[in-house]
Amino acid sequence: MFALITGLGWSSGIRFYAVLFVLGLAHRSGFHALPASLELLAHPWVLAVSGLLCLTEFFADKIPGVDTLWDGINTFIRIPGGALLAAAAVIDSDPGFALAAALLGGTVAAGAHLTKAGSRALINLSPEPFSNWTASLTEDALAIAALWTFLKYPLAFLGLLALFLLIALWLLPKLWRGVRRVVAVILRSPDRA
């Protein structure tokens, strides 16, 4: 259960719409049975909308600058979405546990999202598009791999999540300093109108 809660949170922080679409598709195809409270993800309308949003995000995330704007907007979607999915996964067991799951899922989603968004903002400073595309495709693969891992091998996922959290704790202060330096250079730029 812990792997499910943190896995939903982490994956949502990276690719929320892909999480909705892949989980719904996995349930609908019989690949993996979702908890009753998440079976709604397999509804045809939910699959259609989450699939369309997943496809939109796939392309938006490949364009430098657009990806940063997309990440900024999705800060208000990915983090609460991760919290909501984590809570929904366990809501049938105990409302108190569901609230704790929401807090944990939202926190993990926030860590994953902020690490992703900060890294991508700095990668966008590179004049060539290949580093951006590589980062984006890596994020696509990681989100899907994380879903598969926490569904099939929950203990392995928890080990990998612990490693990610350690890396994120080390990386976030560096990303924050880098973003602050970029903003300072932009604000000092004589070309500013």
N, C-alpha and C. Protein backbone atom coordinates (compact mmCIF):
# COMPACT_ATOMS: atom_id res chain seq x y z
N MET A 1 0.82 -1.19 0.00
CA MET A 1 0.00 0.00 0.00
C MET A 1 0.87 1.26 0.00
N PHE A 2 1.97 1.22 0.76
CA PHE A 2 2.86 2.37 0.81
C PHE A 2 3.47 2.65 -0.56
N ALA A 3 3.83 1.58 -1.27
CA ALA A 3 4.39 1.75 -2.63
C ALA A 3 3.35 2.35 -3.56
N LEU A 4 2.10 1.93 -3.43
CA LEU A 4 1.03 2.47 -4.27
C LEU A 4 0.85 3.97 -4.02
N ILE A 5 0.80 4.35 -2.76
CA ILE A 5 0.59 5.76 -2.39
C ILE A 5 1.75 6.63 -2.90
N THR A 6 2.97 6.22 -2.60
CA THR A 6 4.12 7.03 -3.01
C THR A 6 4.35 6.94 -4.51
N GLY A 7 4.04 5.79 -5.09
CA GLY A 7 4.20 5.64 -6.55
C GLY A 7 3.24 6.53 -7.31
N LEU A 8 2.00 6.60 -6.85
CA LEU A 8 1.04 7.49 -7.50
C LEU A 8 1.47 8.94 -7.36
N GLY A 9 1.97 9.28 -6.17
CA GLY A 9 2.44 10.65 -5.95
C GLY A 9 3.63 11.00 -6.82
N TRP A 10 4.65 10.13 -6.82
CA TRP A 10 5.86 10.41 -7.59
C TRP A 10 5.57 10.50 -9.09
N SER A 11 4.87 9.52 -9.61
CA SER A 11 4.57 9.51 -11.05
C SER A 11 3.71 10.71 -11.44
N SER A 12 2.78 11.08 -10.58
CA SER A 12 1.93 12.25 -10.86
C SER A 12 2.75 13.53 -10.90
N GLY A 13 3.78 13.62 -10.08
CA GLY A 13 4.63 14.80 -10.08
C GLY A 13 5.43 14.96 -11.36
N ILE A 14 5.62 13.86 -12.09
CA ILE A 14 6.38 13.90 -13.34
C ILE A 14 5.44 14.00 -14.55
N ARG A 15 4.46 13.11 -14.64
CA ARG A 15 3.55 13.02 -15.79
C ARG A 15 2.14 12.63 -15.32
N PHE A 16 1.41 13.57 -14.79
CA PHE A 16 0.10 13.29 -14.19
C PHE A 16 -0.89 12.70 -15.20
N TYR A 17 -0.97 13.28 -16.38
CA TYR A 17 -1.96 12.80 -17.36
C TYR A 17 -1.61 11.40 -17.86
N ALA A 18 -0.32 11.12 -17.98
CA ALA A 18 0.11 9.77 -18.39
C ALA A 18 -0.27 8.75 -17.32
N VAL A 19 -0.15 9.14 -16.05
CA VAL A 19 -0.53 8.25 -14.95
C VAL A 19 -2.01 7.89 -15.07
N LEU A 20 -2.84 8.90 -15.25
CA LEU A 20 -4.28 8.65 -15.37
C LEU A 20 -4.58 7.74 -16.55
N PHE A 21 -3.98 8.04 -17.69
CA PHE A 21 -4.25 7.29 -18.91
C PHE A 21 -3.74 5.85 -18.83
N VAL A 22 -2.50 5.68 -18.40
CA VAL A 22 -1.91 4.34 -18.35
C VAL A 22 -2.61 3.46 -17.31
N LEU A 23 -2.92 4.02 -16.14
CA LEU A 23 -3.63 3.22 -15.14
C LEU A 23 -5.02 2.83 -15.64
N GLY A 24 -5.73 3.77 -16.24
CA GLY A 24 -7.06 3.46 -16.78
C GLY A 24 -6.97 2.40 -17.87
N LEU A 25 -6.00 2.53 -18.74
CA LEU A 25 -5.80 1.56 -19.82
C LEU A 25 -5.41 0.19 -19.26
N ALA A 26 -4.54 0.18 -18.24
CA ALA A 26 -4.12 -1.08 -17.62
C ALA A 26 -5.31 -1.80 -17.00
N HIS A 27 -6.19 -1.06 -16.37
CA HIS A 27 -7.38 -1.67 -15.76
C HIS A 27 -8.35 -2.15 -16.83
N ARG A 28 -8.59 -1.32 -17.80
CA ARG A 28 -9.55 -1.66 -18.86
C ARG A 28 -9.10 -2.90 -19.66
N SER A 29 -7.80 -3.02 -19.88
CA SER A 29 -7.28 -4.15 -20.65
C SER A 29 -7.12 -5.42 -19.82
N GLY A 30 -7.26 -5.31 -18.50
CA GLY A 30 -7.09 -6.45 -17.63
C GLY A 30 -5.66 -6.69 -17.21
N PHE A 31 -4.74 -5.79 -17.58
CA PHE A 31 -3.33 -5.95 -17.21
C PHE A 31 -3.14 -5.83 -15.71
N HIS A 32 -3.87 -4.89 -15.09
CA HIS A 32 -3.78 -4.70 -13.64
C HIS A 32 -5.12 -4.20 -13.11
N ALA A 33 -5.62 -4.87 -12.11
CA ALA A 33 -6.89 -4.45 -11.49
C ALA A 33 -6.61 -3.33 -10.50
N LEU A 34 -7.28 -2.22 -10.70
CA LEU A 34 -7.14 -1.08 -9.80
C LEU A 34 -8.07 -1.26 -8.60
N PRO A 35 -7.76 -0.57 -7.49
CA PRO A 35 -8.72 -0.57 -6.39
C PRO A 35 -10.05 0.00 -6.89
N ALA A 36 -11.13 -0.43 -6.28
CA ALA A 36 -12.47 -0.01 -6.73
C ALA A 36 -12.59 1.51 -6.83
N SER A 37 -11.95 2.21 -5.92
CA SER A 37 -12.04 3.67 -5.91
C SER A 37 -11.31 4.32 -7.08
N LEU A 38 -10.45 3.59 -7.79
CA LEU A 38 -9.74 4.13 -8.95
C LEU A 38 -10.24 3.57 -10.27
N GLU A 39 -11.23 2.68 -10.23
CA GLU A 39 -11.74 2.07 -11.46
C GLU A 39 -12.33 3.11 -12.42
N LEU A 40 -12.70 4.25 -11.90
CA LEU A 40 -13.23 5.33 -12.73
C LEU A 40 -12.23 5.76 -13.81
N LEU A 41 -10.94 5.54 -13.56
CA LEU A 41 -9.92 5.90 -14.54
C LEU A 41 -10.07 5.13 -15.84
N ALA A 42 -10.75 3.98 -15.80
CA ALA A 42 -10.94 3.14 -16.98
C ALA A 42 -12.20 3.51 -17.77
N HIS A 43 -12.95 4.49 -17.30
CA HIS A 43 -14.15 4.94 -18.02
C HIS A 43 -13.73 5.50 -19.38
N PRO A 44 -14.47 5.20 -20.44
CA PRO A 44 -14.08 5.67 -21.78
C PRO A 44 -13.86 7.18 -21.88
N TRP A 45 -14.70 7.97 -21.22
CA TRP A 45 -14.52 9.42 -21.28
C TRP A 45 -13.26 9.86 -20.55
N VAL A 46 -12.98 9.24 -19.43
CA VAL A 46 -11.76 9.57 -18.68
C VAL A 46 -10.54 9.17 -19.50
N LEU A 47 -10.60 8.01 -20.12
CA LEU A 47 -9.50 7.57 -20.98
C LEU A 47 -9.30 8.53 -22.16
N ALA A 48 -10.38 8.98 -22.75
CA ALA A 48 -10.27 9.88 -23.91
C ALA A 48 -9.65 11.21 -23.50
N VAL A 49 -10.13 11.79 -22.42
CA VAL A 49 -9.61 13.10 -21.99
C VAL A 49 -8.18 12.97 -21.47
N SER A 50 -7.92 11.96 -20.64
CA SER A 50 -6.55 11.81 -20.11
C SER A 50 -5.58 11.45 -21.24
N GLY A 51 -6.04 10.69 -22.22
CA GLY A 51 -5.18 10.38 -23.37
C GLY A 51 -4.86 11.62 -24.19
N LEU A 52 -5.86 12.46 -24.42
CA LEU A 52 -5.64 13.71 -25.16
C LEU A 52 -4.68 14.63 -24.40
N LEU A 53 -4.88 14.75 -23.10
CA LEU A 53 -3.99 15.59 -22.29
C LEU A 53 -2.58 15.01 -22.22
N CYS A 54 -2.49 13.69 -22.17
CA CYS A 54 -1.18 13.02 -22.18
C CYS A 54 -0.44 13.32 -23.49
N LEU A 55 -1.15 13.24 -24.59
CA LEU A 55 -0.56 13.52 -25.89
C LEU A 55 -0.14 14.99 -26.00
N THR A 56 -0.99 15.88 -25.50
CA THR A 56 -0.66 17.31 -25.49
C THR A 56 0.59 17.57 -24.67
N GLU A 57 0.65 16.96 -23.50
CA GLU A 57 1.83 17.14 -22.65
C GLU A 57 3.08 16.57 -23.30
N PHE A 58 2.94 15.43 -23.97
CA PHE A 58 4.09 14.81 -24.63
C PHE A 58 4.74 15.80 -25.59
N PHE A 59 3.94 16.50 -26.40
CA PHE A 59 4.51 17.44 -27.38
C PHE A 59 4.90 18.77 -26.74
N ALA A 60 4.10 19.27 -25.80
CA ALA A 60 4.43 20.55 -25.15
C ALA A 60 5.75 20.44 -24.39
N ASP A 61 6.02 19.27 -23.86
CA ASP A 61 7.21 19.08 -23.04
C ASP A 61 8.49 18.96 -23.86
N LYS A 62 8.36 18.89 -25.17
CA LYS A 62 9.55 18.77 -26.03
C LYS A 62 10.03 20.12 -26.55
N ILE A 63 9.26 21.18 -26.32
CA ILE A 63 9.60 22.51 -26.86
C ILE A 63 10.18 23.37 -25.74
N PRO A 64 11.47 23.76 -25.86
CA PRO A 64 12.08 24.60 -24.83
C PRO A 64 11.27 25.88 -24.62
N GLY A 65 11.08 26.23 -23.38
CA GLY A 65 10.28 27.41 -23.04
C GLY A 65 8.83 27.03 -22.82
N VAL A 66 8.25 26.35 -23.79
CA VAL A 66 6.86 25.89 -23.63
C VAL A 66 6.80 24.89 -22.48
N ASP A 67 7.84 24.04 -22.38
CA ASP A 67 7.85 23.05 -21.30
C ASP A 67 7.90 23.72 -19.93
N THR A 68 8.63 24.81 -19.80
CA THR A 68 8.71 25.52 -18.53
C THR A 68 7.36 26.16 -18.20
N LEU A 69 6.72 26.75 -19.19
CA LEU A 69 5.38 27.30 -18.98
C LEU A 69 4.40 26.19 -18.60
N TRP A 70 4.48 25.06 -19.30
CA TRP A 70 3.62 23.91 -19.02
C TRP A 70 3.84 23.42 -17.58
N ASP A 71 5.11 23.32 -17.17
CA ASP A 71 5.41 22.90 -15.80
C ASP A 71 4.85 23.90 -14.78
N GLY A 72 4.97 25.18 -15.09
CA GLY A 72 4.43 26.20 -14.18
C GLY A 72 2.93 26.05 -13.99
N ILE A 73 2.22 25.90 -15.07
CA ILE A 73 0.76 25.71 -15.00
C ILE A 73 0.43 24.41 -14.27
N ASN A 74 1.17 23.35 -14.59
CA ASN A 74 0.86 22.04 -14.02
C ASN A 74 1.30 21.88 -12.57
N THR A 75 1.99 22.86 -12.02
CA THR A 75 2.27 22.84 -10.58
C THR A 75 0.95 22.75 -9.82
N PHE A 76 -0.06 23.42 -10.34
CA PHE A 76 -1.36 23.46 -9.67
C PHE A 76 -2.23 22.25 -10.02
N ILE A 77 -1.72 21.36 -10.84
CA ILE A 77 -2.47 20.16 -11.22
C ILE A 77 -1.75 18.90 -10.72
N ARG A 78 -0.46 18.80 -10.95
CA ARG A 78 0.28 17.58 -10.60
C ARG A 78 0.31 17.31 -9.11
N ILE A 79 0.58 18.33 -8.32
CA ILE A 79 0.72 18.11 -6.88
C ILE A 79 -0.63 17.74 -6.24
N PRO A 80 -1.69 18.54 -6.46
CA PRO A 80 -2.97 18.10 -5.90
C PRO A 80 -3.47 16.80 -6.54
N GLY A 81 -3.13 16.59 -7.82
CA GLY A 81 -3.52 15.35 -8.49
C GLY A 81 -2.87 14.14 -7.84
N GLY A 82 -1.59 14.25 -7.51
CA GLY A 82 -0.90 13.16 -6.82
C GLY A 82 -1.50 12.89 -5.46
N ALA A 83 -1.86 13.97 -4.75
CA ALA A 83 -2.50 13.82 -3.44
C ALA A 83 -3.87 13.14 -3.58
N LEU A 84 -4.63 13.58 -4.57
CA LEU A 84 -5.98 13.02 -4.78
C LEU A 84 -5.91 11.54 -5.17
N LEU A 85 -5.01 11.19 -6.09
CA LEU A 85 -4.89 9.78 -6.48
C LEU A 85 -4.46 8.90 -5.31
N ALA A 86 -3.50 9.37 -4.52
CA ALA A 86 -3.04 8.59 -3.37
C ALA A 86 -4.18 8.38 -2.38
N ALA A 87 -4.96 9.42 -2.12
CA ALA A 87 -6.10 9.29 -1.20
C ALA A 87 -7.16 8.38 -1.79
N ALA A 88 -7.45 8.53 -3.06
CA ALA A 88 -8.49 7.72 -3.70
C ALA A 88 -8.13 6.23 -3.70
N ALA A 89 -6.84 5.94 -3.76
CA ALA A 89 -6.41 4.54 -3.79
C ALA A 89 -6.75 3.80 -2.50
N VAL A 90 -6.86 4.55 -1.39
CA VAL A 90 -7.08 3.89 -0.09
C VAL A 90 -8.35 4.37 0.62
N ILE A 91 -9.16 5.17 -0.03
CA ILE A 91 -10.32 5.79 0.62
C ILE A 91 -11.29 4.75 1.18
N ASP A 92 -11.36 3.58 0.57
CA ASP A 92 -12.30 2.56 1.04
C ASP A 92 -11.89 1.95 2.38
N SER A 93 -10.61 2.06 2.73
CA SER A 93 -10.16 1.42 3.97
C SER A 93 -10.44 2.26 5.21
N ASP A 94 -10.09 3.53 5.18
CA ASP A 94 -10.22 4.37 6.37
C ASP A 94 -10.03 5.83 5.96
N PRO A 95 -10.98 6.71 6.28
CA PRO A 95 -10.84 8.12 5.88
C PRO A 95 -9.58 8.79 6.45
N GLY A 96 -9.21 8.43 7.67
CA GLY A 96 -7.99 9.00 8.25
C GLY A 96 -6.76 8.56 7.50
N PHE A 97 -6.73 7.30 7.11
CA PHE A 97 -5.61 6.78 6.32
C PHE A 97 -5.58 7.45 4.95
N ALA A 98 -6.77 7.72 4.40
CA ALA A 98 -6.85 8.39 3.10
C ALA A 98 -6.28 9.81 3.19
N LEU A 99 -6.57 10.52 4.28
CA LEU A 99 -6.01 11.86 4.44
C LEU A 99 -4.49 11.80 4.59
N ALA A 100 -4.00 10.83 5.36
CA ALA A 100 -2.55 10.66 5.50
C ALA A 100 -1.93 10.31 4.14
N ALA A 101 -2.61 9.48 3.36
CA ALA A 101 -2.13 9.13 2.02
C ALA A 101 -2.09 10.35 1.13
N ALA A 102 -3.09 11.22 1.23
CA ALA A 102 -3.12 12.45 0.43
C ALA A 102 -1.93 13.34 0.78
N LEU A 103 -1.66 13.47 2.07
CA LEU A 103 -0.52 14.30 2.49
C LEU A 103 0.79 13.73 1.98
N LEU A 104 0.95 12.42 2.11
CA LEU A 104 2.18 11.78 1.64
C LEU A 104 2.28 11.83 0.11
N GLY A 105 1.20 11.47 -0.57
CA GLY A 105 1.20 11.49 -2.05
C GLY A 105 1.46 12.88 -2.60
N GLY A 106 0.85 13.90 -1.99
CA GLY A 106 1.06 15.27 -2.43
C GLY A 106 2.48 15.75 -2.18
N THR A 107 3.06 15.35 -1.06
CA THR A 107 4.43 15.73 -0.73
C THR A 107 5.42 15.10 -1.71
N VAL A 108 5.22 13.80 -2.00
CA VAL A 108 6.10 13.12 -2.95
C VAL A 108 5.92 13.71 -4.35
N ALA A 109 4.67 14.01 -4.72
CA ALA A 109 4.41 14.64 -6.03
C ALA A 109 5.11 15.99 -6.12
N ALA A 110 5.06 16.76 -5.04
CA ALA A 110 5.71 18.08 -5.03
C ALA A 110 7.22 17.93 -5.20
N GLY A 111 7.83 16.99 -4.49
CA GLY A 111 9.26 16.78 -4.63
C GLY A 111 9.66 16.39 -6.04
N ALA A 112 8.90 15.47 -6.62
CA ALA A 112 9.20 15.03 -7.98
C ALA A 112 8.98 16.17 -8.98
N HIS A 113 7.88 16.89 -8.82
CA HIS A 113 7.56 17.98 -9.75
C HIS A 113 8.60 19.11 -9.65
N LEU A 114 8.95 19.51 -8.45
CA LEU A 114 9.89 20.62 -8.31
C LEU A 114 11.28 20.24 -8.81
N THR A 115 11.69 19.01 -8.60
CA THR A 115 12.97 18.55 -9.12
C THR A 115 12.94 18.57 -10.65
N LYS A 116 11.85 18.04 -11.22
CA LYS A 116 11.69 18.00 -12.67
C LYS A 116 11.65 19.41 -13.26
N ALA A 117 10.79 20.25 -12.72
CA ALA A 117 10.61 21.60 -13.27
C ALA A 117 11.87 22.44 -13.13
N GLY A 118 12.55 22.35 -11.99
CA GLY A 118 13.79 23.10 -11.81
C GLY A 118 14.88 22.65 -12.76
N SER A 119 15.00 21.34 -12.92
CA SER A 119 16.01 20.80 -13.83
C SER A 119 15.73 21.25 -15.26
N ARG A 120 14.48 21.19 -15.65
CA ARG A 120 14.13 21.55 -17.03
C ARG A 120 14.31 23.04 -17.27
N ALA A 121 14.04 23.86 -16.29
CA ALA A 121 14.26 25.30 -16.47
C ALA A 121 15.73 25.58 -16.74
N LEU A 122 16.62 24.89 -16.05
CA LEU A 122 18.05 25.08 -16.27
C LEU A 122 18.50 24.46 -17.59
N ILE A 123 17.94 23.31 -17.95
CA ILE A 123 18.29 22.67 -19.22
C ILE A 123 17.89 23.57 -20.40
N ASN A 124 16.82 24.31 -20.24
CA ASN A 124 16.35 25.20 -21.32
C ASN A 124 17.34 26.30 -21.65
N LEU A 125 18.30 26.54 -20.77
CA LEU A 125 19.31 27.57 -21.06
C LEU A 125 20.30 27.11 -22.12
N SER A 126 20.34 25.81 -22.36
CA SER A 126 21.22 25.27 -23.38
C SER A 126 20.69 25.68 -24.75
N PRO A 127 21.57 26.14 -25.65
CA PRO A 127 21.09 26.62 -26.95
C PRO A 127 20.64 25.51 -27.90
N GLU A 128 21.00 24.27 -27.63
CA GLU A 128 20.61 23.19 -28.53
C GLU A 128 19.39 22.46 -27.96
N PRO A 129 18.54 21.91 -28.82
CA PRO A 129 17.31 21.28 -28.33
C PRO A 129 17.49 19.84 -27.84
N PHE A 130 18.62 19.21 -28.12
CA PHE A 130 18.77 17.78 -27.84
C PHE A 130 18.74 17.46 -26.36
N SER A 131 19.34 18.31 -25.52
CA SER A 131 19.31 18.04 -24.08
C SER A 131 17.88 18.13 -23.56
N ASN A 132 17.10 19.05 -24.10
CA ASN A 132 15.70 19.17 -23.70
C ASN A 132 14.91 17.93 -24.11
N TRP A 133 15.09 17.50 -25.33
CA TRP A 133 14.38 16.31 -25.82
C TRP A 133 14.79 15.07 -25.04
N THR A 134 16.08 14.95 -24.77
CA THR A 134 16.57 13.80 -24.01
C THR A 134 15.96 13.79 -22.61
N ALA A 135 15.95 14.95 -21.95
CA ALA A 135 15.36 15.04 -20.61
C ALA A 135 13.88 14.69 -20.65
N SER A 136 13.17 15.21 -21.63
CA SER A 136 11.74 14.96 -21.74
C SER A 136 11.43 13.48 -21.99
N LEU A 137 12.15 12.88 -22.92
CA LEU A 137 11.93 11.45 -23.20
C LEU A 137 12.31 10.58 -22.00
N THR A 138 13.34 10.99 -21.28
CA THR A 138 13.72 10.27 -20.07
C THR A 138 12.61 10.35 -19.02
N GLU A 139 12.02 11.53 -18.87
CA GLU A 139 10.91 11.69 -17.92
C GLU A 139 9.71 10.84 -18.33
N ASP A 140 9.41 10.81 -19.64
CA ASP A 140 8.31 9.96 -20.12
C ASP A 140 8.55 8.51 -19.72
N ALA A 141 9.75 8.03 -20.00
CA ALA A 141 10.09 6.64 -19.71
C ALA A 141 10.09 6.36 -18.20
N LEU A 142 10.63 7.30 -17.42
CA LEU A 142 10.67 7.11 -15.97
C LEU A 142 9.28 7.03 -15.35
N ALA A 143 8.38 7.88 -15.81
CA ALA A 143 7.02 7.87 -15.26
C ALA A 143 6.32 6.54 -15.53
N ILE A 144 6.44 6.04 -16.74
CA ILE A 144 5.81 4.77 -17.10
C ILE A 144 6.51 3.61 -16.39
N ALA A 145 7.84 3.64 -16.33
CA ALA A 145 8.59 2.59 -15.63
C ALA A 145 8.25 2.58 -14.14
N ALA A 146 8.07 3.76 -13.56
CA ALA A 146 7.70 3.83 -12.14
C ALA A 146 6.32 3.22 -11.90
N LEU A 147 5.38 3.50 -12.80
CA LEU A 147 4.04 2.90 -12.67
C LEU A 147 4.15 1.38 -12.69
N TRP A 148 4.83 0.86 -13.68
CA TRP A 148 4.97 -0.59 -13.82
C TRP A 148 5.67 -1.18 -12.59
N THR A 149 6.73 -0.51 -12.12
CA THR A 149 7.51 -1.02 -11.00
C THR A 149 6.69 -1.04 -9.72
N PHE A 150 5.97 0.04 -9.40
CA PHE A 150 5.24 0.02 -8.13
C PHE A 150 4.03 -0.90 -8.18
N LEU A 151 3.52 -1.18 -9.37
CA LEU A 151 2.42 -2.14 -9.48
C LEU A 151 2.91 -3.58 -9.40
N LYS A 152 4.06 -3.88 -9.99
CA LYS A 152 4.55 -5.26 -10.06
C LYS A 152 5.62 -5.59 -9.01
N TYR A 153 6.45 -4.63 -8.66
CA TYR A 153 7.56 -4.87 -7.73
C TYR A 153 7.61 -3.73 -6.70
N PRO A 154 6.65 -3.69 -5.78
CA PRO A 154 6.55 -2.53 -4.86
C PRO A 154 7.81 -2.31 -4.00
N LEU A 155 8.46 -3.36 -3.55
CA LEU A 155 9.65 -3.16 -2.72
C LEU A 155 10.80 -2.57 -3.53
N ALA A 156 10.95 -3.00 -4.77
CA ALA A 156 11.98 -2.41 -5.64
C ALA A 156 11.67 -0.94 -5.87
N PHE A 157 10.40 -0.61 -6.07
CA PHE A 157 10.03 0.79 -6.28
C PHE A 157 10.40 1.62 -5.05
N LEU A 158 10.11 1.10 -3.85
CA LEU A 158 10.40 1.87 -2.64
C LEU A 158 11.90 2.12 -2.50
N GLY A 159 12.72 1.15 -2.87
CA GLY A 159 14.17 1.35 -2.85
C GLY A 159 14.61 2.43 -3.83
N LEU A 160 14.05 2.39 -5.04
CA LEU A 160 14.38 3.40 -6.04
C LEU A 160 13.86 4.77 -5.63
N LEU A 161 12.69 4.81 -5.00
CA LEU A 161 12.14 6.08 -4.52
C LEU A 161 13.05 6.68 -3.45
N ALA A 162 13.54 5.86 -2.53
CA ALA A 162 14.46 6.36 -1.50
C ALA A 162 15.71 6.96 -2.15
N LEU A 163 16.23 6.30 -3.17
CA LEU A 163 17.39 6.83 -3.90
C LEU A 163 17.04 8.16 -4.57
N PHE A 164 15.87 8.24 -5.22
CA PHE A 164 15.45 9.49 -5.85
C PHE A 164 15.35 10.61 -4.81
N LEU A 165 14.75 10.31 -3.67
CA LEU A 165 14.57 11.35 -2.64
C LEU A 165 15.92 11.86 -2.14
N LEU A 166 16.88 10.98 -1.99
CA LEU A 166 18.22 11.43 -1.59
C LEU A 166 18.85 12.33 -2.65
N ILE A 167 18.72 11.93 -3.90
CA ILE A 167 19.25 12.74 -5.00
C ILE A 167 18.52 14.09 -5.06
N ALA A 168 17.20 14.06 -4.89
CA ALA A 168 16.42 15.30 -4.93
C ALA A 168 16.81 16.24 -3.80
N LEU A 169 17.01 15.70 -2.60
CA LEU A 169 17.44 16.53 -1.48
C LEU A 169 18.79 17.18 -1.75
N TRP A 170 19.67 16.46 -2.41
CA TRP A 170 20.97 17.01 -2.76
C TRP A 170 20.85 18.03 -3.89
N LEU A 171 19.96 17.75 -4.87
CA LEU A 171 19.87 18.55 -6.08
C LEU A 171 19.03 19.83 -5.93
N LEU A 172 17.96 19.78 -5.14
CA LEU A 172 17.05 20.93 -5.06
C LEU A 172 17.73 22.24 -4.66
N PRO A 173 18.60 22.27 -3.66
CA PRO A 173 19.27 23.54 -3.34
C PRO A 173 20.12 24.06 -4.50
N LYS A 174 20.77 23.16 -5.23
CA LYS A 174 21.58 23.56 -6.38
C LYS A 174 20.68 24.11 -7.50
N LEU A 175 19.56 23.45 -7.73
CA LEU A 175 18.62 23.94 -8.74
C LEU A 175 18.08 25.32 -8.36
N TRP A 176 17.76 25.48 -7.09
CA TRP A 176 17.22 26.75 -6.62
C TRP A 176 18.24 27.87 -6.83
N ARG A 177 19.51 27.61 -6.49
CA ARG A 177 20.55 28.62 -6.70
C ARG A 177 20.70 28.93 -8.20
N GLY A 178 20.65 27.90 -9.04
CA GLY A 178 20.77 28.11 -10.48
C GLY A 178 19.63 28.94 -11.03
N VAL A 179 18.41 28.64 -10.62
CA VAL A 179 17.25 29.41 -11.09
C VAL A 179 17.34 30.84 -10.59
N ARG A 180 17.77 31.05 -9.34
CA ARG A 180 17.92 32.42 -8.82
C ARG A 180 18.95 33.21 -9.61
N ARG A 181 20.07 32.55 -9.99
CA ARG A 181 21.09 33.24 -10.79
C ARG A 181 20.54 33.64 -12.16
N VAL A 182 19.79 32.74 -12.77
CA VAL A 182 19.21 33.04 -14.08
C VAL A 182 18.25 34.22 -13.98
N VAL A 183 17.39 34.21 -12.98
CA VAL A 183 16.44 35.31 -12.79
C VAL A 183 17.19 36.62 -12.55
N ALA A 184 18.26 36.57 -11.76
CA ALA A 184 19.05 37.79 -11.48
C ALA A 184 19.67 38.32 -12.77
N VAL A 185 20.19 37.46 -13.61
CA VAL A 185 20.79 37.90 -14.88
C VAL A 185 19.71 38.51 -15.77
N ILE A 186 18.56 37.90 -15.83
CA ILE A 186 17.46 38.43 -16.65
C ILE A 186 17.02 39.80 -16.15
N LEU A 187 16.93 39.96 -14.84
CA LEU A 187 16.49 41.24 -14.28
C LEU A 187 17.54 42.35 -14.48
N ARG A 188 18.82 41.98 -14.57
CA ARG A 188 19.88 42.97 -14.79
C ARG A 188 20.11 43.26 -16.27
N SER A 189 19.51 42.49 -17.13
CA SER A 189 19.76 42.62 -18.57
C SER A 189 19.34 43.99 -19.09
N PRO A 190 20.25 44.66 -19.85
CA PRO A 190 19.91 45.98 -20.38
C PRO A 190 18.86 45.91 -21.50
N ASP A 191 18.63 44.73 -22.05
CA ASP A 191 17.65 44.57 -23.13
C ASP A 191 16.21 44.51 -22.61
N ARG A 192 16.07 44.48 -21.30
CA ARG A 192 14.73 44.38 -20.71
C ARG A 192 13.93 45.64 -21.05
N ALA A 193 12.70 45.44 -21.45
CA ALA A 193 11.85 46.59 -21.81
C ALA A 193 11.16 47.16 -20.62
